[in-house]
Amino acid sequence: MKTKLTNLAKGVLSERVPEAKYPSLMQQLEEARREWLNAQNYYNNVSDTDLVDYAAYLIQASEKKYNYLLKRARHEGLEYSPFN
Protein backbone atom coordinates (compact mmCIF):
# COMPACT_ATOMS: atom_id res chain seq x y z
CA MET A 1 0.00 0.00 0.00
CA LYS A 2 2.79 2.39 0.96
CA THR A 3 4.60 1.68 -2.30
CA LYS A 4 1.49 2.41 -4.37
CA LEU A 5 0.98 5.74 -2.61
CA THR A 6 4.65 6.64 -3.03
CA ASN A 7 4.55 5.82 -6.74
CA LEU A 8 1.34 7.79 -7.15
CA ALA A 9 2.86 10.81 -5.38
CA LYS A 10 6.01 10.61 -7.52
CA GLY A 11 3.89 10.48 -10.66
CA VAL A 12 1.85 13.50 -9.66
CA LEU A 13 4.90 15.50 -8.61
CA SER A 14 6.88 14.63 -11.72
CA GLU A 15 4.18 15.87 -14.10
CA ARG A 16 5.10 19.17 -15.60
CA VAL A 17 2.75 21.98 -14.90
CA PRO A 18 2.11 23.82 -18.17
CA GLU A 19 3.60 27.28 -18.25
CA ALA A 20 1.14 30.13 -18.31
CA LYS A 21 0.97 31.62 -21.76
CA TYR A 22 1.10 35.37 -21.64
CA PRO A 23 0.70 37.53 -24.71
CA SER A 24 3.91 38.93 -26.12
CA LEU A 25 4.82 42.54 -25.46
CA MET A 26 3.89 43.43 -29.04
CA GLN A 27 0.45 41.85 -28.58
CA GLN A 28 0.00 43.71 -25.30
CA LEU A 29 0.96 46.97 -27.01
CA GLU A 30 -1.53 46.46 -29.80
CA GLU A 31 -4.29 45.56 -27.35
CA ALA A 32 -3.52 48.62 -25.20
CA ARG A 33 -3.58 50.82 -28.31
CA ARG A 34 -7.01 49.46 -29.26
CA GLU A 35 -8.28 49.99 -25.70
CA TRP A 36 -7.09 53.60 -25.85
CA LEU A 37 -8.75 54.22 -29.22
CA ASN A 38 -11.95 52.56 -28.01
CA ALA A 39 -11.95 54.76 -24.90
CA GLN A 40 -11.58 57.87 -27.07
CA ASN A 41 -14.40 56.69 -29.31
CA TYR A 42 -16.59 55.98 -26.28
CA TYR A 43 -15.93 59.48 -24.94
CA ASN A 44 -16.85 61.03 -28.29
CA ASN A 45 -20.11 59.09 -28.44
CA VAL A 46 -21.29 59.10 -24.85
CA SER A 47 -24.65 60.82 -24.55
CA ASP A 48 -25.35 60.54 -20.82
CA THR A 49 -23.74 63.38 -18.90
CA ASP A 50 -23.23 61.09 -15.90
CA LEU A 51 -20.92 58.91 -18.00
CA VAL A 52 -18.61 61.69 -19.19
CA ASP A 53 -16.39 61.41 -16.10
CA TYR A 54 -16.20 57.66 -16.53
CA ALA A 55 -15.28 58.04 -20.20
CA ALA A 56 -12.53 60.53 -19.31
CA TYR A 57 -11.20 58.10 -16.71
CA LEU A 58 -11.11 55.32 -19.32
CA ILE A 59 -9.08 57.51 -21.65
CA GLN A 60 -6.56 58.41 -18.96
CA ALA A 61 -6.18 54.85 -17.70
CA SER A 62 -5.78 53.31 -21.14
CA GLU A 63 -3.34 56.04 -22.25
CA LYS A 64 -1.15 55.44 -19.19
CA LYS A 65 -1.15 51.69 -19.83
CA TYR A 66 -0.18 52.22 -23.47
CA ASN A 67 2.60 54.65 -22.55
CA TYR A 68 3.93 52.24 -19.93
CA LEU A 69 4.09 49.42 -22.47
CA LEU A 70 5.78 51.70 -25.01
CA LYS A 71 8.47 52.61 -22.47
CA ARG A 72 8.93 48.96 -21.61
CA ALA A 73 9.28 48.06 -25.29
CA ARG A 74 11.86 50.80 -25.84
CA HIS A 75 13.78 49.63 -22.78
CA GLU A 76 13.86 46.09 -24.18
CA GLY A 77 15.01 47.39 -27.56
CA LEU A 78 11.82 46.56 -29.43
CA GLU A 79 10.63 48.75 -32.24
CA TYR A 80 6.90 49.17 -32.39
CA SER A 81 4.83 51.05 -34.89
CA PRO A 82 1.08 50.59 -35.19
CA PHE A 83 1.34 51.67 -38.82
CA ASN A 84 3.39 48.72 -40.12
C-alpha atoms as a PDB file:
ATOM      1  CA  MET A   1       0.000   0.000   0.000  1.00  0.00           C
ATOM      2  CA  LYS A   2       2.786   2.387   0.962  1.00  0.00           C
ATOM      3  CA  THR A   3       4.602   1.683  -2.303  1.00  0.00           C
ATOM      4  CA  LYS A   4       1.494   2.412  -4.369  1.00  0.00           C
ATOM      5  CA  LEU A   5       0.983   5.742  -2.609  1.00  0.00           C
ATOM      6  CA  THR A   6       4.652   6.635  -3.032  1.00  0.00           C
ATOM      7  CA  ASN A   7       4.547   5.821  -6.742  1.00  0.00           C
ATOM      8  CA  LEU A   8       1.343   7.793  -7.154  1.00  0.00           C
ATOM      9  CA  ALA A   9       2.856  10.812  -5.383  1.00  0.00           C
ATOM     10  CA  LYS A  10       6.008  10.605  -7.517  1.00  0.00           C
ATOM     11  CA  GLY A  11       3.894  10.477 -10.659  1.00  0.00           C
ATOM     12  CA  VAL A  12       1.847  13.503  -9.656  1.00  0.00           C
ATOM     13  CA  LEU A  13       4.902  15.504  -8.611  1.00  0.00           C
ATOM     14  CA  SER A  14       6.882  14.630 -11.721  1.00  0.00           C
ATOM     15  CA  GLU A  15       4.178  15.869 -14.096  1.00  0.00           C
ATOM     16  CA  ARG A  16       5.104  19.172 -15.596  1.00  0.00           C
ATOM     17  CA  VAL A  17       2.750  21.983 -14.901  1.00  0.00           C
ATOM     18  CA  PRO A  18       2.114  23.820 -18.169  1.00  0.00           C
ATOM     19  CA  GLU A  19       3.597  27.280 -18.248  1.00  0.00           C
ATOM     20  CA  ALA A  20       1.142  30.131 -18.309  1.00  0.00           C
ATOM     21  CA  LYS A  21       0.968  31.622 -21.759  1.00  0.00           C
ATOM     22  CA  TYR A  22       1.103  35.369 -21.644  1.00  0.00           C
ATOM     23  CA  PRO A  23       0.699  37.525 -24.714  1.00  0.00           C
ATOM     24  CA  SER A  24       3.907  38.934 -26.117  1.00  0.00           C
ATOM     25  CA  LEU A  25       4.816  42.545 -25.456  1.00  0.00           C
ATOM     26  CA  MET A  26       3.887  43.428 -29.036  1.00  0.00           C
ATOM     27  CA  GLN A  27       0.455  41.849 -28.576  1.00  0.00           C
ATOM     28  CA  GLN A  28       0.000  43.707 -25.295  1.00  0.00           C
ATOM     29  CA  LEU A  29       0.956  46.968 -27.012  1.00  0.00           C
ATOM     30  CA  GLU A  30      -1.531  46.464 -29.799  1.00  0.00           C
ATOM     31  CA  GLU A  31      -4.286  45.557 -27.348  1.00  0.00           C
ATOM     32  CA  ALA A  32      -3.518  48.621 -25.201  1.00  0.00           C
ATOM     33  CA  ARG A  33      -3.579  50.824 -28.308  1.00  0.00           C
ATOM     34  CA  ARG A  34      -7.010  49.455 -29.259  1.00  0.00           C
ATOM     35  CA  GLU A  35      -8.280  49.994 -25.704  1.00  0.00           C
ATOM     36  CA  TRP A  36      -7.093  53.604 -25.849  1.00  0.00           C
ATOM     37  CA  LEU A  37      -8.748  54.222 -29.221  1.00  0.00           C
ATOM     38  CA  ASN A  38     -11.952  52.558 -28.013  1.00  0.00           C
ATOM     39  CA  ALA A  39     -11.952  54.756 -24.902  1.00  0.00           C
ATOM     40  CA  GLN A  40     -11.583  57.869 -27.065  1.00  0.00           C
ATOM     41  CA  ASN A  41     -14.399  56.686 -29.308  1.00  0.00           C
ATOM     42  CA  TYR A  42     -16.591  55.983 -26.279  1.00  0.00           C
ATOM     43  CA  TYR A  43     -15.926  59.483 -24.942  1.00  0.00           C
ATOM     44  CA  ASN A  44     -16.850  61.030 -28.294  1.00  0.00           C
ATOM     45  CA  ASN A  45     -20.106  59.092 -28.444  1.00  0.00           C
ATOM     46  CA  VAL A  46     -21.293  59.098 -24.846  1.00  0.00           C
ATOM     47  CA  SER A  47     -24.650  60.818 -24.550  1.00  0.00           C
ATOM     48  CA  ASP A  48     -25.354  60.536 -20.822  1.00  0.00           C
ATOM     49  CA  THR A  49     -23.738  63.378 -18.902  1.00  0.00           C
ATOM     50  CA  ASP A  50     -23.231  61.086 -15.904  1.00  0.00           C
ATOM     51  CA  LEU A  51     -20.923  58.914 -18.001  1.00  0.00           C
ATOM     52  CA  VAL A  52     -18.613  61.694 -19.191  1.00  0.00           C
ATOM     53  CA  ASP A  53     -16.388  61.410 -16.103  1.00  0.00           C
ATOM     54  CA  TYR A  54     -16.202  57.656 -16.528  1.00  0.00           C
ATOM     55  CA  ALA A  55     -15.280  58.044 -20.197  1.00  0.00           C
ATOM     56  CA  ALA A  56     -12.533  60.533 -19.305  1.00  0.00           C
ATOM     57  CA  TYR A  57     -11.202  58.096 -16.706  1.00  0.00           C
ATOM     58  CA  LEU A  58     -11.107  55.316 -19.319  1.00  0.00           C
ATOM     59  CA  ILE A  59      -9.076  57.509 -21.655  1.00  0.00           C
ATOM     60  CA  GLN A  60      -6.556  58.415 -18.962  1.00  0.00           C
ATOM     61  CA  ALA A  61      -6.175  54.853 -17.704  1.00  0.00           C
ATOM     62  CA  SER A  62      -5.777  53.306 -21.141  1.00  0.00           C
ATOM     63  CA  GLU A  63      -3.342  56.038 -22.247  1.00  0.00           C
ATOM     64  CA  LYS A  64      -1.154  55.436 -19.185  1.00  0.00           C
ATOM     65  CA  LYS A  65      -1.153  51.691 -19.827  1.00  0.00           C
ATOM     66  CA  TYR A  66      -0.182  52.217 -23.468  1.00  0.00           C
ATOM     67  CA  ASN A  67       2.599  54.647 -22.552  1.00  0.00           C
ATOM     68  CA  TYR A  68       3.932  52.242 -19.933  1.00  0.00           C
ATOM     69  CA  LEU A  69       4.090  49.421 -22.466  1.00  0.00           C
ATOM     70  CA  LEU A  70       5.779  51.702 -25.010  1.00  0.00           C
ATOM     71  CA  LYS A  71       8.468  52.610 -22.470  1.00  0.00           C
ATOM     72  CA  ARG A  72       8.935  48.958 -21.611  1.00  0.00           C
ATOM     73  CA  ALA A  73       9.281  48.059 -25.293  1.00  0.00           C
ATOM     74  CA  ARG A  74      11.864  50.804 -25.843  1.00  0.00           C
ATOM     75  CA  HIS A  75      13.775  49.628 -22.780  1.00  0.00           C
ATOM     76  CA  GLU A  76      13.856  46.085 -24.181  1.00  0.00           C
ATOM     77  CA  GLY A  77      15.006  47.394 -27.555  1.00  0.00           C
ATOM     78  CA  LEU A  78      11.822  46.556 -29.434  1.00  0.00           C
ATOM     79  CA  GLU A  79      10.633  48.751 -32.244  1.00  0.00           C
ATOM     80  CA  TYR A  80       6.903  49.166 -32.385  1.00  0.00           C
ATOM     81  CA  SER A  81       4.834  51.048 -34.886  1.00  0.00           C
ATOM     82  CA  PRO A  82       1.079  50.594 -35.188  1.00  0.00           C
ATOM     83  CA  PHE A  83       1.335  51.674 -38.825  1.00  0.00           C
ATOM     84  CA  ASN A  84       3.386  48.724 -40.122  1.00  0.00           C
END
